C-alpha atoms as a PDB file:
ATOM      1  CA  MET A   1     170.217  63.095 150.335  1.00  0.00           C
ATOM      2  CA  SER A   2     167.190  65.425 150.480  1.00  0.00           C
ATOM      3  CA  ALA A   3     167.046  65.621 146.674  1.00  0.00           C
ATOM      4  CA  VAL A   4     167.157  61.825 146.397  1.00  0.00           C
ATOM      5  CA  LEU A   5     164.421  61.423 149.014  1.00  0.00           C
ATOM      6  CA  PHE A   6     162.258  64.059 147.326  1.00  0.00           C
ATOM      7  CA  ALA A   7     162.572  62.401 143.919  1.00  0.00           C
ATOM      8  CA  LEU A   8     161.859  59.003 145.465  1.00  0.00           C
ATOM      9  CA  SER A   9     158.819  60.414 147.276  1.00  0.00           C
ATOM     10  CA  ILE A  10     157.337  61.784 144.041  1.00  0.00           C
ATOM     11  CA  ALA A  11     157.991  58.479 142.263  1.00  0.00           C
ATOM     12  CA  LEU A  12     156.334  56.535 145.070  1.00  0.00           C
ATOM     13  CA  LEU A  13     153.314  58.851 145.021  1.00  0.00           C
ATOM     14  CA  VAL A  14     152.893  58.372 141.259  1.00  0.00           C
ATOM     15  CA  PHE A  15     153.109  54.597 141.717  1.00  0.00           C
ATOM     16  CA  PHE A  16     150.659  54.731 144.632  1.00  0.00           C
ATOM     17  CA  VAL A  17     148.083  56.838 142.778  1.00  0.00           C
ATOM     18  CA  ARG A  18     148.115  54.640 139.682  1.00  0.00           C
ATOM     19  CA  ARG A  19     147.893  51.466 141.768  1.00  0.00           C
ATOM     20  CA  ASP A  20     145.209  52.940 144.023  1.00  0.00           C
ATOM     21  CA  LEU A  21     143.019  53.937 141.069  1.00  0.00           C
ATOM     22  CA  ALA A  22     143.164  50.430 139.614  1.00  0.00           C
ATOM     23  CA  GLU A  23     142.485  48.785 142.977  1.00  0.00           C
ATOM     24  CA  TYR A  24     139.585  51.100 143.798  1.00  0.00           C
ATOM     25  CA  ASN A  25     137.937  50.473 140.427  1.00  0.00           C
ATOM     26  CA  ALA A  26     138.199  46.740 141.145  1.00  0.00           C
ATOM     27  CA  PHE A  27     136.970  47.251 144.708  1.00  0.00           C
ATOM     28  CA  ARG A  28     133.806  48.986 143.484  1.00  0.00           C
ATOM     29  CA  LEU A  29     132.755  45.735 141.766  1.00  0.00           C
ATOM     30  CA  LEU A  30     133.212  43.499 144.815  1.00  0.00           C
ATOM     31  CA  THR A  31     130.142  42.125 146.566  1.00  0.00           C
ATOM     32  CA  ALA A  32     131.573  39.531 148.973  1.00  0.00           C
ATOM     33  CA  THR A  33     132.490  41.058 152.322  1.00  0.00           C
ATOM     34  CA  ARG A  34     135.521  38.765 152.668  1.00  0.00           C
ATOM     35  CA  ASP A  35     137.003  40.239 149.490  1.00  0.00           C
ATOM     36  CA  ARG A  36     136.191  43.767 150.599  1.00  0.00           C
ATOM     37  CA  GLN A  37     137.848  43.211 153.988  1.00  0.00           C
ATOM     38  CA  ARG A  38     140.972  41.864 152.287  1.00  0.00           C
ATOM     39  CA  HIS A  39     141.227  45.058 150.240  1.00  0.00           C
ATOM     40  CA  TYR A  40     140.793  47.173 153.377  1.00  0.00           C
ATOM     41  CA  ARG A  41     143.708  45.328 154.997  1.00  0.00           C
ATOM     42  CA  ILE A  42     145.886  45.803 151.922  1.00  0.00           C
ATOM     43  CA  TRP A  43     145.174  49.550 151.946  1.00  0.00           C
ATOM     44  CA  VAL A  44     146.044  49.803 155.629  1.00  0.00           C
ATOM     45  CA  ALA A  45     149.337  47.949 155.140  1.00  0.00           C
ATOM     46  CA  THR A  46     150.291  49.873 152.001  1.00  0.00           C
ATOM     47  CA  GLY A  47     149.481  53.237 153.542  1.00  0.00           C
ATOM     48  CA  PHE A  48     151.378  52.441 156.729  1.00  0.00           C
ATOM     49  CA  ILE A  49     154.512  51.432 154.819  1.00  0.00           C
ATOM     50  CA  LEU A  50     154.496  54.305 152.334  1.00  0.00           C
ATOM     51  CA  PHE A  51     153.228  57.171 154.488  1.00  0.00           C
ATOM     52  CA  PHE A  52     154.615  56.252 157.908  1.00  0.00           C
ATOM     53  CA  LEU A  53     157.555  53.845 157.813  1.00  0.00           C
ATOM     54  CA  TYR A  54     159.139  55.406 154.722  1.00  0.00           C
ATOM     55  CA  PRO A  55     159.047  59.017 156.072  1.00  0.00           C
ATOM     56  CA  LEU A  56     160.388  57.790 159.427  1.00  0.00           C
ATOM     57  CA  LEU A  57     163.366  56.324 157.581  1.00  0.00           C
ATOM     58  CA  GLY A  58     163.658  59.495 155.506  1.00  0.00           C
ATOM     59  CA  LEU A  59     163.633  61.749 158.565  1.00  0.00           C
ATOM     60  CA  ALA A  60     166.357  59.594 160.075  1.00  0.00           C
ATOM     61  CA  CYS A  61     168.429  59.984 156.896  1.00  0.00           C
ATOM     62  CA  ILE A  62     168.276  63.771 157.120  1.00  0.00           C
ATOM     63  CA  HIS A  63     168.733  63.671 160.916  1.00  0.00           C
ATOM     64  CA  ARG A  64     165.348  65.302 161.668  1.00  0.00           C
ATOM     65  CA  THR A  65     163.425  62.645 163.618  1.00  0.00           C
ATOM     66  CA  ALA A  66     163.219  65.144 166.499  1.00  0.00           C
ATOM     67  CA  ALA A  67     160.637  67.019 164.418  1.00  0.00           C
ATOM     68  CA  LEU A  68     158.146  64.290 165.323  1.00  0.00           C
ATOM     69  CA  ARG A  69     158.263  65.470 168.946  1.00  0.00           C
ATOM     70  CA  HIS A  70     159.132  69.148 168.608  1.00  0.00           C
ATOM     71  CA  PHE A  71     157.916  71.755 166.156  1.00  0.00           C
ATOM     72  CA  PRO A  72     160.710  72.099 163.544  1.00  0.00           C
ATOM     73  CA  VAL A  73     162.559  75.408 163.516  1.00  0.00           C
ATOM     74  CA  GLU A  74     162.438  75.327 159.704  1.00  0.00           C
ATOM     75  CA  LEU A  75     158.665  75.936 159.853  1.00  0.00           C
ATOM     76  CA  ALA A  76     158.900  78.721 162.440  1.00  0.00           C
ATOM     77  CA  PRO A  77     158.703  81.511 159.786  1.00  0.00           C
ATOM     78  CA  ALA A  78     155.488  79.964 158.427  1.00  0.00           C
ATOM     79  CA  ALA A  79     153.974  79.755 161.903  1.00  0.00           C
ATOM     80  CA  LEU A  80     154.936  83.334 162.708  1.00  0.00           C
ATOM     81  CA  ALA A  81     153.519  84.619 159.413  1.00  0.00           C
ATOM     82  CA  LEU A  82     150.214  82.828 160.028  1.00  0.00           C
ATOM     83  CA  ARG A  83     149.927  83.879 163.667  1.00  0.00           C
ATOM     84  CA  SER A  84     150.527  87.484 162.722  1.00  0.00           C
ATOM     85  CA  HIS A  85     147.209  87.428 160.848  1.00  0.00           C
ATOM     86  CA  MET A  86     145.282  85.752 163.658  1.00  0.00           C
ATOM     87  CA  PRO A  87     143.537  87.349 166.655  1.00  0.00           C
ATOM     88  CA  SER A  88     145.582  87.440 169.814  1.00  0.00           C
ATOM     89  CA  GLY A  89     145.405  84.337 171.968  1.00  0.00           C
ATOM     90  CA  ASP A  90     146.224  80.689 171.647  1.00  0.00           C
ATOM     91  CA  GLY A  91     145.557  79.794 168.008  1.00  0.00           C
ATOM     92  CA  GLY A  92     145.993  76.086 168.609  1.00  0.00           C
ATOM     93  CA  LYS A  93     143.277  76.027 171.251  1.00  0.00           C
ATOM     94  CA  ALA A  94     140.957  78.009 168.993  1.00  0.00           C
ATOM     95  CA  VAL A  95     141.415  75.452 166.213  1.00  0.00           C
ATOM     96  CA  LEU A  96     140.873  72.579 168.635  1.00  0.00           C
ATOM     97  CA  TYR A  97     137.738  74.098 170.182  1.00  0.00           C
ATOM     98  CA  GLY A  98     136.359  74.884 166.739  1.00  0.00           C
ATOM     99  CA  PHE A  99     136.918  71.322 165.619  1.00  0.00           C
ATOM    100  CA  LEU A 100     135.267  69.884 168.723  1.00  0.00           C
ATOM    101  CA  ALA A 101     132.237  72.108 168.167  1.00  0.00           C
ATOM    102  CA  SER A 102     132.053  70.986 164.525  1.00  0.00           C
ATOM    103  CA  LEU A 103     132.466  67.353 165.572  1.00  0.00           C
ATOM    104  CA  THR A 104     129.606  67.618 168.066  1.00  0.00           C
ATOM    105  CA  ALA A 105     127.378  69.342 165.525  1.00  0.00           C
ATOM    106  CA  GLY A 106     128.223  66.709 162.918  1.00  0.00           C
ATOM    107  CA  LEU A 107     127.378  63.854 165.273  1.00  0.00           C
ATOM    108  CA  LEU A 108     124.072  65.428 166.255  1.00  0.00           C
ATOM    109  CA  LEU A 109     123.227  66.112 162.616  1.00  0.00           C
ATOM    110  CA  GLY A 110     124.096  62.536 161.695  1.00  0.00           C
ATOM    111  CA  ILE A 111     121.890  61.137 164.472  1.00  0.00           C
ATOM    112  CA  PHE A 112     119.019  63.391 163.401  1.00  0.00           C
ATOM    113  CA  LEU A 113     119.304  62.665 159.680  1.00  0.00           C
ATOM    114  CA  ALA A 114     120.109  58.946 159.763  1.00  0.00           C
ATOM    115  CA  PRO A 115     116.464  57.716 159.815  1.00  0.00           C
ATOM    116  CA  ARG A 116     115.523  60.119 157.026  1.00  0.00           C
ATOM    117  CA  LEU A 117     118.509  59.114 154.937  1.00  0.00           C
ATOM    118  CA  ARG A 118     117.520  55.501 155.406  1.00  0.00           C
ATOM    119  CA  ARG A 119     114.024  56.168 154.063  1.00  0.00           C
ATOM    120  CA  SER A 120     115.036  58.494 151.238  1.00  0.00           C
ATOM    121  CA  ARG A 121     118.134  56.461 150.324  1.00  0.00           C
ATOM    122  CA  ARG A 122     120.216  59.626 150.153  1.00  0.00           C
ATOM    123  CA  SER A 123     123.757  59.921 151.473  1.00  0.00           C
ATOM    124  CA  LEU A 124     125.911  62.630 153.044  1.00  0.00           C
ATOM    125  CA  VAL A 125     129.052  61.362 151.311  1.00  0.00           C
ATOM    126  CA  LEU A 126     130.411  61.841 147.815  1.00  0.00           C
ATOM    127  CA  GLU A 127     128.990  59.339 145.342  1.00  0.00           C
ATOM    128  CA  SER A 128     132.516  58.311 144.340  1.00  0.00           C
ATOM    129  CA  VAL A 129     133.312  57.399 147.972  1.00  0.00           C
ATOM    130  CA  GLU A 130     130.081  55.510 148.602  1.00  0.00           C
ATOM    131  CA  PRO A 131     131.557  52.083 147.619  1.00  0.00           C
ATOM    132  CA  LEU A 132     134.192  52.565 150.329  1.00  0.00           C
ATOM    133  CA  MET A 133     131.548  52.782 153.060  1.00  0.00           C
ATOM    134  CA  PRO A 134     131.303  49.678 155.311  1.00  0.00           C
ATOM    135  CA  ARG A 135     128.253  47.457 154.935  1.00  0.00           C
ATOM    136  CA  ASN A 136     128.447  45.423 158.158  1.00  0.00           C
ATOM    137  CA  PRO A 137     130.163  45.553 161.588  1.00  0.00           C
ATOM    138  CA  ALA A 138     133.204  43.585 160.377  1.00  0.00           C
ATOM    139  CA  GLU A 139     133.796  46.094 157.594  1.00  0.00           C
ATOM    140  CA  LEU A 140     133.174  48.902 160.065  1.00  0.00           C
ATOM    141  CA  ALA A 141     136.151  47.698 162.131  1.00  0.00           C
ATOM    142  CA  HIS A 142     138.295  47.738 158.987  1.00  0.00           C
ATOM    143  CA  THR A 143     137.305  51.300 158.048  1.00  0.00           C
ATOM    144  CA  ALA A 144     138.116  52.345 161.623  1.00  0.00           C
ATOM    145  CA  ALA A 145     141.614  50.934 161.093  1.00  0.00           C
ATOM    146  CA  LEU A 146     141.803  52.822 157.782  1.00  0.00           C
ATOM    147  CA  SER A 147     140.901  56.058 159.568  1.00  0.00           C
ATOM    148  CA  LEU A 148     143.469  55.603 162.329  1.00  0.00           C
ATOM    149  CA  ASN A 149     146.195  54.708 159.855  1.00  0.00           C
ATOM    150  CA  ALA A 150     145.371  57.556 157.452  1.00  0.00           C
ATOM    151  CA  GLY A 151     145.291  60.141 160.219  1.00  0.00           C
ATOM    152  CA  LEU A 152     148.680  59.088 161.553  1.00  0.00           C
ATOM    153  CA  SER A 153     150.552  58.184 158.383  1.00  0.00           C
ATOM    154  CA  GLU A 154     149.336  60.904 156.033  1.00  0.00           C
ATOM    155  CA  GLU A 155     149.999  63.663 158.550  1.00  0.00           C
ATOM    156  CA  VAL A 156     153.560  62.474 159.088  1.00  0.00           C
ATOM    157  CA  PHE A 157     154.116  62.317 155.330  1.00  0.00           C
ATOM    158  CA  PHE A 158     152.291  65.398 154.035  1.00  0.00           C
ATOM    159  CA  ARG A 159     152.396  67.789 156.979  1.00  0.00           C
ATOM    160  CA  LEU A 160     155.972  67.068 158.104  1.00  0.00           C
ATOM    161  CA  PHE A 161     158.167  64.960 155.834  1.00  0.00           C
ATOM    162  CA  LEU A 162     157.435  66.512 152.419  1.00  0.00           C
ATOM    163  CA  PRO A 163     157.605  70.128 153.681  1.00  0.00           C
ATOM    164  CA  MET A 164     160.883  69.340 155.456  1.00  0.00           C
ATOM    165  CA  LEU A 165     162.351  68.017 152.189  1.00  0.00           C
ATOM    166  CA  GLY A 166     161.119  71.086 150.327  1.00  0.00           C
ATOM    167  CA  LEU A 167     162.689  73.393 152.885  1.00  0.00           C
ATOM    168  CA  GLN A 168     165.995  71.543 152.728  1.00  0.00           C
ATOM    169  CA  LEU A 169     165.890  71.973 148.943  1.00  0.00           C
ATOM    170  CA  HIS A 170     165.293  75.722 149.434  1.00  0.00           C
ATOM    171  CA  PHE A 171     161.770  75.771 147.978  1.00  0.00           C
ATOM    172  CA  GLY A 172     160.680  78.206 150.700  1.00  0.00           C
ATOM    173  CA  TRP A 173     158.079  77.485 153.352  1.00  0.00           C
ATOM    174  CA  LEU A 174     155.064  78.660 151.332  1.00  0.00           C
ATOM    175  CA  ALA A 175     155.922  76.588 148.252  1.00  0.00           C
ATOM    176  CA  SER A 176     156.812  73.563 150.387  1.00  0.00           C
ATOM    177  CA  LEU A 177     153.525  73.628 152.308  1.00  0.00           C
ATOM    178  CA  LEU A 178     151.369  74.325 149.253  1.00  0.00           C
ATOM    179  CA  LEU A 179     153.056  71.554 147.265  1.00  0.00           C
ATOM    180  CA  ALA A 180     152.519  69.058 150.077  1.00  0.00           C
ATOM    181  CA  GLY A 181     148.880  70.128 150.380  1.00  0.00           C
ATOM    182  CA  LEU A 182     148.284  69.783 146.641  1.00  0.00           C
ATOM    183  CA  LEU A 183     149.885  66.334 146.552  1.00  0.00           C
ATOM    184  CA  PHE A 184     147.732  65.340 149.526  1.00  0.00           C
ATOM    185  CA  GLY A 185     144.671  66.188 147.466  1.00  0.00           C
ATOM    186  CA  LEU A 186     145.924  64.452 144.329  1.00  0.00           C
ATOM    187  CA  VAL A 187     146.518  61.111 146.059  1.00  0.00           C
ATOM    188  CA  HIS A 188     142.739  61.066 146.636  1.00  0.00           C
ATOM    189  CA  ILE A 189     142.046  61.297 142.916  1.00  0.00           C
ATOM    190  CA  TYR A 190     140.078  58.034 143.113  1.00  0.00           C
ATOM    191  CA  GLN A 191     137.350  60.192 144.702  1.00  0.00           C
ATOM    192  CA  GLY A 192     137.032  62.280 141.547  1.00  0.00           C
ATOM    193  CA  VAL A 193     137.503  66.019 141.083  1.00  0.00           C
ATOM    194  CA  ALA A 194     135.225  66.908 143.998  1.00  0.00           C
ATOM    195  CA  GLY A 195     137.193  64.571 146.251  1.00  0.00           C
ATOM    196  CA  VAL A 196     140.519  66.085 145.205  1.00  0.00           C
ATOM    197  CA  VAL A 197     139.237  69.616 145.883  1.00  0.00           C
ATOM    198  CA  SER A 198     137.732  68.720 149.263  1.00  0.00           C
ATOM    199  CA  THR A 199     140.795  66.814 150.469  1.00  0.00           C
ATOM    200  CA  THR A 200     143.093  69.607 149.288  1.00  0.00           C
ATOM    201  CA  MET A 201     141.061  72.045 151.374  1.00  0.00           C
ATOM    202  CA  LEU A 202     141.202  69.609 154.283  1.00  0.00           C
ATOM    203  CA  GLY A 203     144.985  69.444 153.885  1.00  0.00           C
ATOM    204  CA  LEU A 204     145.222  73.232 154.077  1.00  0.00           C
ATOM    205  CA  PHE A 205     143.056  73.247 157.209  1.00  0.00           C
ATOM    206  CA  LEU A 206     145.265  70.623 158.843  1.00  0.00           C
ATOM    207  CA  THR A 207     148.363  72.594 157.872  1.00  0.00           C
ATOM    208  CA  VAL A 208     146.914  75.674 159.564  1.00  0.00           C
ATOM    209  CA  ALA A 209     146.092  73.608 162.657  1.00  0.00           C
ATOM    210  CA  TYR A 210     149.658  72.284 162.725  1.00  0.00           C
ATOM    211  CA  LEU A 211     151.246  75.717 162.346  1.00  0.00           C
ATOM    212  CA  LEU A 212     148.971  77.421 164.879  1.00  0.00           C
ATOM    213  CA  SER A 213     149.302  74.746 167.538  1.00  0.00           C
ATOM    214  CA  GLY A 214     152.891  73.724 166.887  1.00  0.00           C
ATOM    215  CA  SER A 215     151.800  70.119 167.398  1.00  0.00           C
ATOM    216  CA  LEU A 216     151.813  67.507 164.659  1.00  0.00           C
ATOM    217  CA  TRP A 217     149.746  65.285 166.928  1.00  0.00           C
ATOM    218  CA  LEU A 218     146.913  67.804 167.028  1.00  0.00           C
ATOM    219  CA  ALA A 219     146.748  67.557 163.227  1.00  0.00           C
ATOM    220  CA  VAL A 220     146.852  63.761 163.513  1.00  0.00           C
ATOM    221  CA  GLY A 221     143.956  63.808 165.977  1.00  0.00           C
ATOM    222  CA  LEU A 222     141.876  66.147 163.810  1.00  0.00           C
ATOM    223  CA  HIS A 223     142.498  64.010 160.733  1.00  0.00           C
ATOM    224  CA  ILE A 224     141.541  60.805 162.538  1.00  0.00           C
ATOM    225  CA  GLY A 225     138.405  62.413 163.959  1.00  0.00           C
ATOM    226  CA  LEU A 226     137.213  63.674 160.584  1.00  0.00           C
ATOM    227  CA  ASP A 227     137.842  60.316 158.909  1.00  0.00           C
ATOM    228  CA  LEU A 228     136.065  58.442 161.696  1.00  0.00           C
ATOM    229  CA  ILE A 229     132.980  60.619 161.262  1.00  0.00           C
ATOM    230  CA  GLN A 230     132.945  59.937 157.524  1.00  0.00           C
ATOM    231  CA  VAL A 231     133.633  56.190 157.332  1.00  0.00           C
ATOM    232  CA  VAL A 232     132.706  54.917 160.813  1.00  0.00           C
ATOM    233  CA  VAL A 233     130.188  57.130 162.633  1.00  0.00           C
ATOM    234  CA  ARG A 234     127.829  57.865 159.752  1.00  0.00           C
ATOM    235  CA  PRO A 235     127.804  54.327 158.306  1.00  0.00           C
ATOM    236  CA  GLY A 236     127.469  52.971 161.838  1.00  0.00           C
ATOM    237  CA  LEU A 237     124.414  55.151 162.439  1.00  0.00           C
ATOM    238  CA  ARG A 238     122.879  53.951 159.200  1.00  0.00           C
ATOM    239  CA  MET A 239     123.457  50.338 160.266  1.00  0.00           C
ATOM    240  CA  TYR A 240     121.954  51.048 163.673  1.00  0.00           C
ATOM    241  CA  TYR A 241     118.773  52.538 162.254  1.00  0.00           C
ATOM    242  CA  ALA A 242     118.510  49.818 159.613  1.00  0.00           C
ATOM    243  CA  GLN A 243     118.708  47.054 162.257  1.00  0.00           C
ATOM    244  CA  ARG A 244     116.980  48.636 165.260  1.00  0.00           C
ATOM    245  CA  VAL A 245     114.488  51.095 163.806  1.00  0.00           C
ATOM    246  CA  ALA A 246     113.464  49.318 160.610  1.00  0.00           C
ATOM    247  CA  LYS A 247     112.235  46.200 162.442  1.00  0.00           C
ATOM    248  CA  PRO A 248     109.499  47.959 164.447  1.00  0.00           C
ATOM    249  CA  ASP A 249     108.484  49.893 161.330  1.00  0.00           C
ATOM    250  CA  ASP A 250     108.260  46.678 159.322  1.00  0.00           C
ATOM    251  CA  ALA A 251     106.306  44.949 162.091  1.00  0.00           C
ATOM    252  CA  GLN A 252     103.834  47.828 162.305  1.00  0.00           C
ATOM    253  CA  SER A 253     103.364  47.784 158.523  1.00  0.00           C
ATOM    254  CA  SER A 254     102.637  44.052 158.576  1.00  0.00           C
ATOM    255  CA  ALA A 255     100.114  44.425 161.387  1.00  0.00           C
ATOM    256  CA  SER A 256      98.188  47.119 159.549  1.00  0.00           C
END
């Protein structure tokens, strides 16, 4: 059963990547917000089915749904190997505190830079991802849903389900985790080479967080938080400054 599920997973990922590339290229040309919101909803539904419902069914088929609640014993050697190279103490808390510090710094930096980015028309996101950024509050709600779904579904699929299949097929924990991390990066190929590299590195970071903490839900929370900063917080700040700060500036310019 594990071999069948693994082969099916690879086939589904190939189908998803090819379909996602075509849809994203079409999405880049859209100007009407109604059409853009429809595509957001399709992405949420597709991602939820493929990366959450399918692995739930797969885990049930291999009788490992308990791994959603408890750290799987199959990954214990990987966790022990990683912890042996870490300073003494609670590694999971260290990862969490480090993320919270980075999150706070990112928010403060975004607040500080937003007015300057508005004037200079520069962005803190990859150019290939810029079309994905929301342009109004309605789209902002849709990208928030994208972030929540991606953080939950992709972590279940890439941090748990795929490594579990690899381990059951005797790939070894290192090969299983690295393969899942590489595939995680490749499904973001619509972002270009830079996007694949950055998301692969993000996948490795989330894998480390999962192994150190022993909690899949910590990885889910970190993933959601990072996505929210990228496609909700920063665009939201730009909207705020465009609507609230630009008006006084425009009024002052007219008066002078």
